Amino acid sequence: MQIKEFLGSIVLDKNAYELGKVSNVEFDPVTGKIDEVTLTLQKNIFSKDELVISFDDIATIGAYVILNKEIPKETEVEEAEDGSVEVEIEEKE
């Protein structure tokens, strides 16, 4: 898969709840491996909230990007000074 195909991919949590789309990818400059993936969250038409996840939180990449974690629908988010949003991902067993 090429990076241009990855960007814009729909992201689902492990329960198949649609979170949003891949909007950015951060690479380690030394190893060339993906460190973090930024998602534009699916909230409403005017929302531009973002969620940064570790590449390790991704279970599979194919027609959809599927996380190995559950993201609660009503997650409390904290807005940073730069306008980005940080969400704590809780791992459920």
PDB file of N, CA and C in Angstrom:
ATOM      1  N   MET A   1       0.845  -1.178   0.000  1.00  0.00           N
ATOM      2  CA  MET A   1       0.000   0.000   0.000  1.00  0.00           C
ATOM      3  C   MET A   1       0.885   1.234   0.000  1.00  0.00           C
ATOM      4  N   GLN A   2       0.546   2.189  -0.816  1.00  0.00           N
ATOM      5  CA  GLN A   2       1.270   3.442  -0.853  1.00  0.00           C
ATOM      6  C   GLN A   2       0.683   4.402   0.174  1.00  0.00           C
ATOM      7  N   ILE A   3       1.503   5.354   0.628  1.00  0.00           N
ATOM      8  CA  ILE A   3       1.067   6.288   1.665  1.00  0.00           C
ATOM      9  C   ILE A   3      -0.135   7.093   1.205  1.00  0.00           C
ATOM     10  N   LYS A   4      -0.214   7.435  -0.081  1.00  0.00           N
ATOM     11  CA  LYS A   4      -1.357   8.212  -0.562  1.00  0.00           C
ATOM     12  C   LYS A   4      -2.659   7.414  -0.479  1.00  0.00           C
ATOM     13  N   GLU A   5      -2.571   6.079  -0.505  1.00  0.00           N
ATOM     14  CA  GLU A   5      -3.753   5.239  -0.314  1.00  0.00           C
ATOM     15  C   GLU A   5      -4.133   5.149   1.161  1.00  0.00           C
ATOM     16  N   PHE A   6      -3.125   5.217   2.040  1.00  0.00           N
ATOM     17  CA  PHE A   6      -3.342   5.136   3.484  1.00  0.00           C
ATOM     18  C   PHE A   6      -4.016   6.401   4.001  1.00  0.00           C
ATOM     19  N   LEU A   7      -3.561   7.566   3.519  1.00  0.00           N
ATOM     20  CA  LEU A   7      -4.162   8.830   3.924  1.00  0.00           C
ATOM     21  C   LEU A   7      -5.604   8.864   3.435  1.00  0.00           C
ATOM     22  N   GLY A   8      -6.509   9.223   4.307  1.00  0.00           N
ATOM     23  CA  GLY A   8      -7.926   9.250   3.963  1.00  0.00           C
ATOM     24  C   GLY A   8      -8.654   7.953   4.246  1.00  0.00           C
ATOM     25  N   SER A   9      -7.919   6.911   4.682  1.00  0.00           N
ATOM     26  CA  SER A   9      -8.553   5.631   5.014  1.00  0.00           C
ATOM     27  C   SER A   9      -9.483   5.790   6.214  1.00  0.00           C
ATOM     28  N   ILE A  10     -10.590   5.082   6.195  1.00  0.00           N
ATOM     29  CA  ILE A  10     -11.539   5.097   7.308  1.00  0.00           C
ATOM     30  C   ILE A  10     -10.972   4.244   8.438  1.00  0.00           C
ATOM     31  N   VAL A  11     -11.040   4.779   9.663  1.00  0.00           N
ATOM     32  CA  VAL A  11     -10.502   4.097  10.841  1.00  0.00           C
ATOM     33  C   VAL A  11     -11.651   3.627  11.729  1.00  0.00           C
ATOM     34  N   LEU A  12     -11.584   2.353  12.110  1.00  0.00           N
ATOM     35  CA  LEU A  12     -12.567   1.741  12.997  1.00  0.00           C
ATOM     36  C   LEU A  12     -11.870   1.283  14.268  1.00  0.00           C
ATOM     37  N   ASP A  13     -12.584   1.360  15.412  1.00  0.00           N
ATOM     38  CA  ASP A  13     -12.007   0.772  16.613  1.00  0.00           C
ATOM     39  C   ASP A  13     -12.275  -0.734  16.584  1.00  0.00           C
ATOM     40  N   LYS A  14     -11.862  -1.447  17.623  1.00  0.00           N
ATOM     41  CA  LYS A  14     -11.971  -2.909  17.590  1.00  0.00           C
ATOM     42  C   LYS A  14     -13.408  -3.406  17.593  1.00  0.00           C
ATOM     43  N   ASN A  15     -14.362  -2.530  17.917  1.00  0.00           N
ATOM     44  CA  ASN A  15     -15.779  -2.888  17.883  1.00  0.00           C
ATOM     45  C   ASN A  15     -16.460  -2.418  16.595  1.00  0.00           C
ATOM     46  N   ALA A  16     -15.662  -2.023  15.611  1.00  0.00           N
ATOM     47  CA  ALA A  16     -16.139  -1.570  14.295  1.00  0.00           C
ATOM     48  C   ALA A  16     -16.886  -0.246  14.357  1.00  0.00           C
ATOM     49  N   TYR A  17     -16.657   0.542  15.411  1.00  0.00           N
ATOM     50  CA  TYR A  17     -17.220   1.886  15.495  1.00  0.00           C
ATOM     51  C   TYR A  17     -16.345   2.818  14.662  1.00  0.00           C
ATOM     52  N   GLU A  18     -16.935   3.539  13.709  1.00  0.00           N
ATOM     53  CA  GLU A  18     -16.174   4.432  12.841  1.00  0.00           C
ATOM     54  C   GLU A  18     -15.724   5.668  13.611  1.00  0.00           C
ATOM     55  N   LEU A  19     -14.405   5.868  13.650  1.00  0.00           N
ATOM     56  CA  LEU A  19     -13.836   6.993  14.378  1.00  0.00           C
ATOM     57  C   LEU A  19     -13.599   8.204  13.493  1.00  0.00           C
ATOM     58  N   GLY A  20     -13.120   7.980  12.293  1.00  0.00           N
ATOM     59  CA  GLY A  20     -12.780   9.070  11.395  1.00  0.00           C
ATOM     60  C   GLY A  20     -11.878   8.579  10.286  1.00  0.00           C
ATOM     61  N   LYS A  21     -11.010   9.480   9.798  1.00  0.00           N
ATOM     62  CA  LYS A  21     -10.122   9.139   8.690  1.00  0.00           C
ATOM     63  C   LYS A  21      -8.684   9.512   9.021  1.00  0.00           C
ATOM     64  N   VAL A  22      -7.748   8.790   8.415  1.00  0.00           N
ATOM     65  CA  VAL A  22      -6.321   9.088   8.572  1.00  0.00           C
ATOM     66  C   VAL A  22      -6.032  10.414   7.870  1.00  0.00           C
ATOM     67  N   SER A  23      -5.467  11.369   8.613  1.00  0.00           N
ATOM     68  CA  SER A  23      -5.171  12.673   8.019  1.00  0.00           C
ATOM     69  C   SER A  23      -3.683  12.977   7.944  1.00  0.00           C
ATOM     70  N   ASN A  24      -2.869  12.284   8.750  1.00  0.00           N
ATOM     71  CA  ASN A  24      -1.430  12.555   8.744  1.00  0.00           C
ATOM     72  C   ASN A  24      -0.679  11.349   9.318  1.00  0.00           C
ATOM     73  N   VAL A  25       0.565  11.216   8.915  1.00  0.00           N
ATOM     74  CA  VAL A  25       1.413  10.126   9.390  1.00  0.00           C
ATOM     75  C   VAL A  25       2.764  10.714   9.769  1.00  0.00           C
ATOM     76  N   GLU A  26       3.262  10.338  10.947  1.00  0.00           N
ATOM     77  CA  GLU A  26       4.586  10.774  11.417  1.00  0.00           C
ATOM     78  C   GLU A  26       5.548   9.602  11.341  1.00  0.00           C
ATOM     79  N   PHE A  27       6.701   9.829  10.714  1.00  0.00           N
ATOM     80  CA  PHE A  27       7.721   8.800  10.550  1.00  0.00           C
ATOM     81  C   PHE A  27       8.906   9.062  11.465  1.00  0.00           C
ATOM     82  N   ASP A  28       9.577   7.987  11.889  1.00  0.00           N
ATOM     83  CA  ASP A  28      10.850   8.098  12.590  1.00  0.00           C
ATOM     84  C   ASP A  28      11.897   8.392  11.518  1.00  0.00           C
ATOM     85  N   PRO A  29      12.611   9.513  11.611  1.00  0.00           N
ATOM     86  CA  PRO A  29      13.564   9.873  10.552  1.00  0.00           C
ATOM     87  C   PRO A  29      14.752   8.916  10.441  1.00  0.00           C
ATOM     88  N   VAL A  30      15.064   8.194  11.493  1.00  0.00           N
ATOM     89  CA  VAL A  30      16.200   7.282  11.471  1.00  0.00           C
ATOM     90  C   VAL A  30      15.816   5.927  10.868  1.00  0.00           C
ATOM     91  N   THR A  31      14.722   5.357  11.364  1.00  0.00           N
ATOM     92  CA  THR A  31      14.331   4.014  10.928  1.00  0.00           C
ATOM     93  C   THR A  31      13.386   4.009   9.725  1.00  0.00           C
ATOM     94  N   GLY A  32      12.658   5.120   9.519  1.00  0.00           N
ATOM     95  CA  GLY A  32      11.682   5.179   8.438  1.00  0.00           C
ATOM     96  C   GLY A  32      10.363   4.518   8.786  1.00  0.00           C
ATOM     97  N   LYS A  33      10.218   4.051  10.025  1.00  0.00           N
ATOM     98  CA  LYS A  33       8.979   3.400  10.452  1.00  0.00           C
ATOM     99  C   LYS A  33       7.959   4.448  10.883  1.00  0.00           C
ATOM    100  N   ILE A  34       6.680   4.091  10.735  1.00  0.00           N
ATOM    101  CA  ILE A  34       5.603   4.979  11.174  1.00  0.00           C
ATOM    102  C   ILE A  34       5.533   4.962  12.696  1.00  0.00           C
ATOM    103  N   ASP A  35       5.568   6.156  13.311  1.00  0.00           N
ATOM    104  CA  ASP A  35       5.451   6.282  14.764  1.00  0.00           C
ATOM    105  C   ASP A  35       4.017   6.559  15.185  1.00  0.00           C
ATOM    106  N   GLU A  36       3.424   7.585  14.575  1.00  0.00           N
ATOM    107  CA  GLU A  36       2.097   8.035  14.965  1.00  0.00           C
ATOM    108  C   GLU A  36       1.234   8.275  13.739  1.00  0.00           C
ATOM    109  N   VAL A  37      -0.060   8.118  13.944  1.00  0.00           N
ATOM    110  CA  VAL A  37      -1.042   8.369  12.896  1.00  0.00           C
ATOM    111  C   VAL A  37      -2.057   9.351  13.475  1.00  0.00           C
ATOM    112  N   THR A  38      -2.358  10.408  12.722  1.00  0.00           N
ATOM    113  CA  THR A  38      -3.340  11.394  13.153  1.00  0.00           C
ATOM    114  C   THR A  38      -4.652  11.125  12.438  1.00  0.00           C
ATOM    115  N   LEU A  39      -5.733  11.089  13.216  1.00  0.00           N
ATOM    116  CA  LEU A  39      -7.068  10.869  12.676  1.00  0.00           C
ATOM    117  C   LEU A  39      -7.877  12.151  12.793  1.00  0.00           C
ATOM    118  N   THR A  40      -8.649  12.469  11.766  1.00  0.00           N
ATOM    119  CA  THR A  40      -9.666  13.506  11.869  1.00  0.00           C
ATOM    120  C   THR A  40     -10.916  12.792  12.318  1.00  0.00           C
ATOM    121  N   LEU A  41     -11.416  13.161  13.495  1.00  0.00           N
ATOM    122  CA  LEU A  41     -12.518  12.428  14.107  1.00  0.00           C
ATOM    123  C   LEU A  41     -13.851  12.688  13.425  1.00  0.00           C
ATOM    124  N   GLN A  42     -14.671  11.651  13.383  1.00  0.00           N
ATOM    125  CA  GLN A  42     -16.007  11.715  12.803  1.00  0.00           C
ATOM    126  C   GLN A  42     -16.965  12.171  13.897  1.00  0.00           C
ATOM    127  N   LYS A  43     -17.186  13.457  14.012  1.00  0.00           N
ATOM    128  CA  LYS A  43     -18.085  13.975  15.049  1.00  0.00           C
ATOM    129  C   LYS A  43     -19.308  14.608  14.396  1.00  0.00           C
ATOM    130  N   ASN A  44     -19.091  15.700  13.689  1.00  0.00           N
ATOM    131  CA  ASN A  44     -20.170  16.328  12.932  1.00  0.00           C
ATOM    132  C   ASN A  44     -19.549  17.114  11.783  1.00  0.00           C
ATOM    133  N   ILE A  45     -20.366  17.714  10.977  1.00  0.00           N
ATOM    134  CA  ILE A  45     -19.881  18.345   9.752  1.00  0.00           C
ATOM    135  C   ILE A  45     -18.896  19.493  10.017  1.00  0.00           C
ATOM    136  N   PHE A  46     -19.016  20.158  11.164  1.00  0.00           N
ATOM    137  CA  PHE A  46     -18.162  21.300  11.456  1.00  0.00           C
ATOM    138  C   PHE A  46     -16.984  20.949  12.368  1.00  0.00           C
ATOM    139  N   SER A  47     -16.897  19.718  12.793  1.00  0.00           N
ATOM    140  CA  SER A  47     -15.856  19.303  13.728  1.00  0.00           C
ATOM    141  C   SER A  47     -14.549  19.029  13.004  1.00  0.00           C
ATOM    142  N   LYS A  48     -13.465  19.493  13.577  1.00  0.00           N
ATOM    143  CA  LYS A  48     -12.129  19.214  13.049  1.00  0.00           C
ATOM    144  C   LYS A  48     -11.246  18.640  14.147  1.00  0.00           C
ATOM    145  N   ASP A  49     -11.859  17.947  15.118  1.00  0.00           N
ATOM    146  CA  ASP A  49     -11.089  17.344  16.192  1.00  0.00           C
ATOM    147  C   ASP A  49     -10.165  16.280  15.621  1.00  0.00           C
ATOM    148  N   GLU A  50      -9.003  16.172  16.238  1.00  0.00           N
ATOM    149  CA  GLU A  50      -8.031  15.176  15.800  1.00  0.00           C
ATOM    150  C   GLU A  50      -7.620  14.298  16.967  1.00  0.00           C
ATOM    151  N   LEU A  51      -7.224  13.095  16.643  1.00  0.00           N
ATOM    152  CA  LEU A  51      -6.745  12.127  17.619  1.00  0.00           C
ATOM    153  C   LEU A  51      -5.443  11.553  17.090  1.00  0.00           C
ATOM    154  N   VAL A  52      -4.397  11.591  17.902  1.00  0.00           N
ATOM    155  CA  VAL A  52      -3.110  11.013  17.524  1.00  0.00           C
ATOM    156  C   VAL A  52      -2.984   9.661  18.213  1.00  0.00           C
ATOM    157  N   ILE A  53      -2.740   8.626  17.408  1.00  0.00           N
ATOM    158  CA  ILE A  53      -2.588   7.288  17.952  1.00  0.00           C
ATOM    159  C   ILE A  53      -1.216   6.740  17.584  1.00  0.00           C
ATOM    160  N   SER A  54      -0.731   5.835  18.384  1.00  0.00           N
ATOM    161  CA  SER A  54       0.516   5.153  18.099  1.00  0.00           C
ATOM    162  C   SER A  54       0.274   4.129  16.999  1.00  0.00           C
ATOM    163  N   PHE A  55       1.262   3.910  16.168  1.00  0.00           N
ATOM    164  CA  PHE A  55       1.130   2.895  15.123  1.00  0.00           C
ATOM    165  C   PHE A  55       0.908   1.519  15.737  1.00  0.00           C
ATOM    166  N   ASP A  56       1.389   1.312  16.957  1.00  0.00           N
ATOM    167  CA  ASP A  56       1.204   0.040  17.657  1.00  0.00           C
ATOM    168  C   ASP A  56      -0.259  -0.234  18.006  1.00  0.00           C
ATOM    169  N   ASP A  57      -1.111   0.808  17.988  1.00  0.00           N
ATOM    170  CA  ASP A  57      -2.533   0.645  18.283  1.00  0.00           C
ATOM    171  C   ASP A  57      -3.328   0.149  17.078  1.00  0.00           C
ATOM    172  N   ILE A  58      -2.671  -0.022  15.929  1.00  0.00           N
ATOM    173  CA  ILE A  58      -3.339  -0.475  14.716  1.00  0.00           C
ATOM    174  C   ILE A  58      -3.212  -1.994  14.612  1.00  0.00           C
ATOM    175  N   ALA A  59      -4.362  -2.667  14.472  1.00  0.00           N
ATOM    176  CA  ALA A  59      -4.378  -4.131  14.341  1.00  0.00           C
ATOM    177  C   ALA A  59      -4.167  -4.539  12.891  1.00  0.00           C
ATOM    178  N   THR A  60      -4.931  -3.937  11.973  1.00  0.00           N
ATOM    179  CA  THR A  60      -4.827  -4.280  10.550  1.00  0.00           C
ATOM    180  C   THR A  60      -5.029  -3.050   9.684  1.00  0.00           C
ATOM    181  N   ILE A  61      -4.429  -3.114   8.497  1.00  0.00           N
ATOM    182  CA  ILE A  61      -4.611  -2.075   7.486  1.00  0.00           C
ATOM    183  C   ILE A  61      -5.022  -2.780   6.209  1.00  0.00           C
ATOM    184  N   GLY A  62      -6.152  -2.378   5.679  1.00  0.00           N
ATOM    185  CA  GLY A  62      -6.666  -2.965   4.443  1.00  0.00           C
ATOM    186  C   GLY A  62      -7.696  -2.015   3.879  1.00  0.00           C
ATOM    187  N   ALA A  63      -8.895  -2.528   3.610  1.00  0.00           N
ATOM    188  CA  ALA A  63      -9.973  -1.655   3.152  1.00  0.00           C
ATOM    189  C   ALA A  63     -10.288  -0.611   4.231  1.00  0.00           C
ATOM    190  N   TYR A  64     -10.102  -0.986   5.476  1.00  0.00           N
ATOM    191  CA  TYR A  64     -10.243  -0.096   6.630  1.00  0.00           C
ATOM    192  C   TYR A  64      -9.002  -0.224   7.484  1.00  0.00           C
ATOM    193  N   VAL A  65      -8.744   0.813   8.289  1.00  0.00           N
ATOM    194  CA  VAL A  65      -7.711   0.730   9.317  1.00  0.00           C
ATOM    195  C   VAL A  65      -8.449   0.354  10.598  1.00  0.00           C
ATOM    196  N   ILE A  66      -8.088  -0.797  11.176  1.00  0.00           N
ATOM    197  CA  ILE A  66      -8.782  -1.283  12.363  1.00  0.00           C
ATOM    198  C   ILE A  66      -7.827  -1.246  13.545  1.00  0.00           C
ATOM    199  N   LEU A  67      -8.277  -0.595  14.612  1.00  0.00           N
ATOM    200  CA  LEU A  67      -7.466  -0.486  15.827  1.00  0.00           C
ATOM    201  C   LEU A  67      -7.651  -1.726  16.693  1.00  0.00           C
ATOM    202  N   ASN A  68      -6.667  -1.981  17.541  1.00  0.00           N
ATOM    203  CA  ASN A  68      -6.782  -3.085  18.490  1.00  0.00           C
ATOM    204  C   ASN A  68      -7.283  -2.587  19.840  1.00  0.00           C
ATOM    205  N   LYS A  69      -7.849  -1.393  19.856  1.00  0.00           N
ATOM    206  CA  LYS A  69      -8.370  -0.773  21.076  1.00  0.00           C
ATOM    207  C   LYS A  69      -9.787  -0.279  20.831  1.00  0.00           C
ATOM    208  N   GLU A  70     -10.530  -0.122  21.915  1.00  0.00           N
ATOM    209  CA  GLU A  70     -11.864   0.456  21.854  1.00  0.00           C
ATOM    210  C   GLU A  70     -11.766   1.923  22.226  1.00  0.00           C
ATOM    211  N   ILE A  71     -12.390   2.770  21.453  1.00  0.00           N
ATOM    212  CA  ILE A  71     -12.440   4.199  21.762  1.00  0.00           C
ATOM    213  C   ILE A  71     -13.878   4.508  22.177  1.00  0.00           C
ATOM    214  N   PRO A  72     -14.101   4.890  23.425  1.00  0.00           N
ATOM    215  CA  PRO A  72     -15.468   5.191  23.872  1.00  0.00           C
ATOM    216  C   PRO A  72     -16.084   6.307  23.035  1.00  0.00           C
ATOM    217  N   LYS A  73     -17.368   6.180  22.710  1.00  0.00           N
ATOM    218  CA  LYS A  73     -18.047   7.189  21.894  1.00  0.00           C
ATOM    219  C   LYS A  73     -18.069   8.540  22.577  1.00  0.00           C
ATOM    220  N   GLU A  74     -18.335   8.557  23.844  1.00  0.00           N
ATOM    221  CA  GLU A  74     -18.410   9.804  24.599  1.00  0.00           C
ATOM    222  C   GLU A  74     -17.112  10.020  25.372  1.00  0.00           C
ATOM    223  N   THR A  75     -16.019  10.159  24.645  1.00  0.00           N
ATOM    224  CA  THR A  75     -14.720  10.351  25.261  1.00  0.00           C
ATOM    225  C   THR A  75     -14.523  11.818  25.591  1.00  0.00           C
ATOM    226  N   GLU A  76     -14.070  12.083  26.803  1.00  0.00           N
ATOM    227  CA  GLU A  76     -13.750  13.458  27.143  1.00  0.00           C
ATOM    228  C   GLU A  76     -12.418  13.807  26.513  1.00  0.00           C
ATOM    229  N   VAL A  77     -12.390  14.954  25.852  1.00  0.00           N
ATOM    230  CA  VAL A  77     -11.180  15.375  25.172  1.00  0.00           C
ATOM    231  C   VAL A  77     -10.670  16.662  25.803  1.00  0.00           C
ATOM    232  N   GLU A  78      -9.361  16.837  25.747  1.00  0.00           N
ATOM    233  CA  GLU A  78      -8.741  18.045  26.243  1.00  0.00           C
ATOM    234  C   GLU A  78      -8.123  18.769  25.069  1.00  0.00           C
ATOM    235  N   GLU A  79      -8.508  20.031  24.895  1.00  0.00           N
ATOM    236  CA  GLU A  79      -7.984  20.797  23.780  1.00  0.00           C
ATOM    237  C   GLU A  79      -6.688  21.476  24.197  1.00  0.00           C
ATOM    238  N   ALA A  80      -5.652  21.284  23.396  1.00  0.00           N
ATOM    239  CA  ALA A  80      -4.353  21.890  23.661  1.00  0.00           C
ATOM    240  C   ALA A  80      -4.344  23.318  23.128  1.00  0.00           C
ATOM    241  N   GLU A  81      -3.278  24.052  23.444  1.00  0.00           N
ATOM    242  CA  GLU A  81      -3.165  25.437  23.005  1.00  0.00           C
ATOM    243  C   GLU A  81      -3.131  25.560  21.488  1.00  0.00           C
ATOM    244  N   ASP A  82      -2.597  24.565  20.799  1.00  0.00           N
ATOM    245  CA  ASP A  82      -2.498  24.636  19.341  1.00  0.00           C
ATOM    246  C   ASP A  82      -3.787  24.200  18.649  1.00  0.00           C
ATOM    247  N   GLY A  83      -4.836  23.902  19.416  1.00  0.00           N
ATOM    248  CA  GLY A  83      -6.113  23.529  18.835  1.00  0.00           C
ATOM    249  C   GLY A  83      -6.286  22.037  18.631  1.00  0.00           C
ATOM    250  N   SER A  84      -5.211  21.259  18.851  1.00  0.00           N
ATOM    251  CA  SER A  84      -5.339  19.814  18.692  1.00  0.00           C
ATOM    252  C   SER A  84      -6.041  19.239  19.920  1.00  0.00           C
ATOM    253  N   VAL A  85      -6.522  18.031  19.779  1.00  0.00           N
ATOM    254  CA  VAL A  85      -7.259  17.381  20.855  1.00  0.00           C
ATOM    255  C   VAL A  85      -6.539  16.120  21.252  1.00  0.00           C
ATOM    256  N   GLU A  86      -6.403  15.898  22.551  1.00  0.00           N
ATOM    257  CA  GLU A  86      -5.744  14.702  23.051  1.00  0.00           C
ATOM    258  C   GLU A  86      -6.773  13.825  23.744  1.00  0.00           C
ATOM    259  N   VAL A  87      -6.785  12.556  23.377  1.00  0.00           N
ATOM    260  CA  VAL A  87      -7.740  11.616  23.942  1.00  0.00           C
ATOM    261  C   VAL A  87      -6.978  10.469  24.573  1.00  0.00           C
ATOM    262  N   GLU A  88      -7.363  10.092  25.771  1.00  0.00           N
ATOM    263  CA  GLU A  88      -6.756   8.945  26.454  1.00  0.00           C
ATOM    264  C   GLU A  88      -7.460   7.689  25.973  1.00  0.00           C
ATOM    265  N   ILE A  89      -6.708   6.753  25.411  1.00  0.00           N
ATOM    266  CA  ILE A  89      -7.269   5.494  24.924  1.00  0.00           C
ATOM    267  C   ILE A  89      -7.167   4.472  26.042  1.00  0.00           C
ATOM    268  N   GLU A  90      -8.341   3.936  26.429  1.00  0.00           N
ATOM    269  CA  GLU A  90      -8.370   2.942  27.488  1.00  0.00           C
ATOM    270  C   GLU A  90      -8.430   1.559  26.865  1.00  0.00           C
ATOM    271  N   GLU A  91      -7.575   0.668  27.337  1.00  0.00           N
ATOM    272  CA  GLU A  91      -7.577  -0.693  26.836  1.00  0.00           C
ATOM    273  C   GLU A  91      -8.530  -1.509  27.686  1.00  0.00           C
ATOM    274  N   LYS A  92      -9.497  -2.168  27.022  1.00  0.00           N
ATOM    275  CA  LYS A  92     -10.464  -3.003  27.738  1.00  0.00           C
ATOM    276  C   LYS A  92     -10.139  -4.453  27.472  1.00  0.00           C
ATOM    277  N   GLU A  93     -10.274  -5.242  28.482  1.00  0.00           N
ATOM    278  CA  GLU A  93      -9.969  -6.661  28.363  1.00  0.00           C
ATOM    279  C   GLU A  93     -11.196  -7.481  28.124  1.00  0.00           C
TER     280      GLU A  93
END
